[in-house]
Amino acid sequence: MPVRPLGHPARHLDAVGSTMTEAAAWAEAGAPHGALVTAAHQRAGRGRWGRTWADAPGQSLMLSLVLRPALDAERLGLVALAAGLALAEALDAFGVGARLKWPNDVRVGGRKLAGVLAEATWAGRRPTVVLGAGLNVEQAAFPDALADRATSVRLVTGRPVERLAPLDPFLRRLEARLADAEGRPARLVADIEGRLEQRGETVAVGFPGTDRPPVEGRVVGLAPTGALRLATDAGEVALHAGEVTLAVPS
């Protein structure tokens, strides 16, 4: 039986608390792999580390997918990385040369264009992942607090782009990249490294909400699991989570 492409079945909503919450409930009720929720506005969108994702109604592509990948726990981090790469690749067709900030940001010129969030649960031998993505599409400007940190497809290209236009290209690229995660992870990791924004830079990786001190080192690349490889004074380490910022010279 052929595999149903990503995005089917789909629920397209005008407004919702969070597409992640909606998709998680749908997954628990038995939604199949590839089920999609989109919304023109989220009242309570969320990101990593308990942060919120605020949007102006009708200007962002906001979606969540129910995924049931054939991956073990060690490689599950590749799902979010694959999604970031798929978004960047989909945007190539719009003239947006996006790069990736590990582990979940899609950026242009150091400004955030999109973010990815993956939440996994286990039932039996196979995980269920609710994958969320938010892409700034139609914004012509941002509030002062975000103006130097955020951008949109419209601002990058200098022309209007319909909010849902990147959706189908993203789903097609994500399908291919999830296949890589399952069967050709080395290829996926190499292609992510090719877009890694801070490769070769000295960075500090913090751990918000914990007492763990930041780890400072030079970004070498990614491990086969998607962990960030840092060359530190004490040797190379691989980090599976964290918040990356450029290190301040001492």
Foldseek 3Di string as FASTA:
>chain_A
DDDDFAAPPEAEEAEEQEQLVVQVVVVVVPDDFRYKYWYQAHNFDADPPGHTDHDDGNFKTKMKGKHWAPDAPLQPLLLQQLLLLLLQVLCVVLVANWFDEPPFFIDDPQAGFKGKDWDWDDDPGIIIIIIIMMGGAADPADPPVRRVHHDHSCRVNVHHDRRCVSVVSSSVSSVVSSVCSRPPLVVNQVSNQVRHPQAQAWKWWADPPDPDGIAIFHFPGADSSRFTWGQHPVGIDTHSDTDIDHDDDD
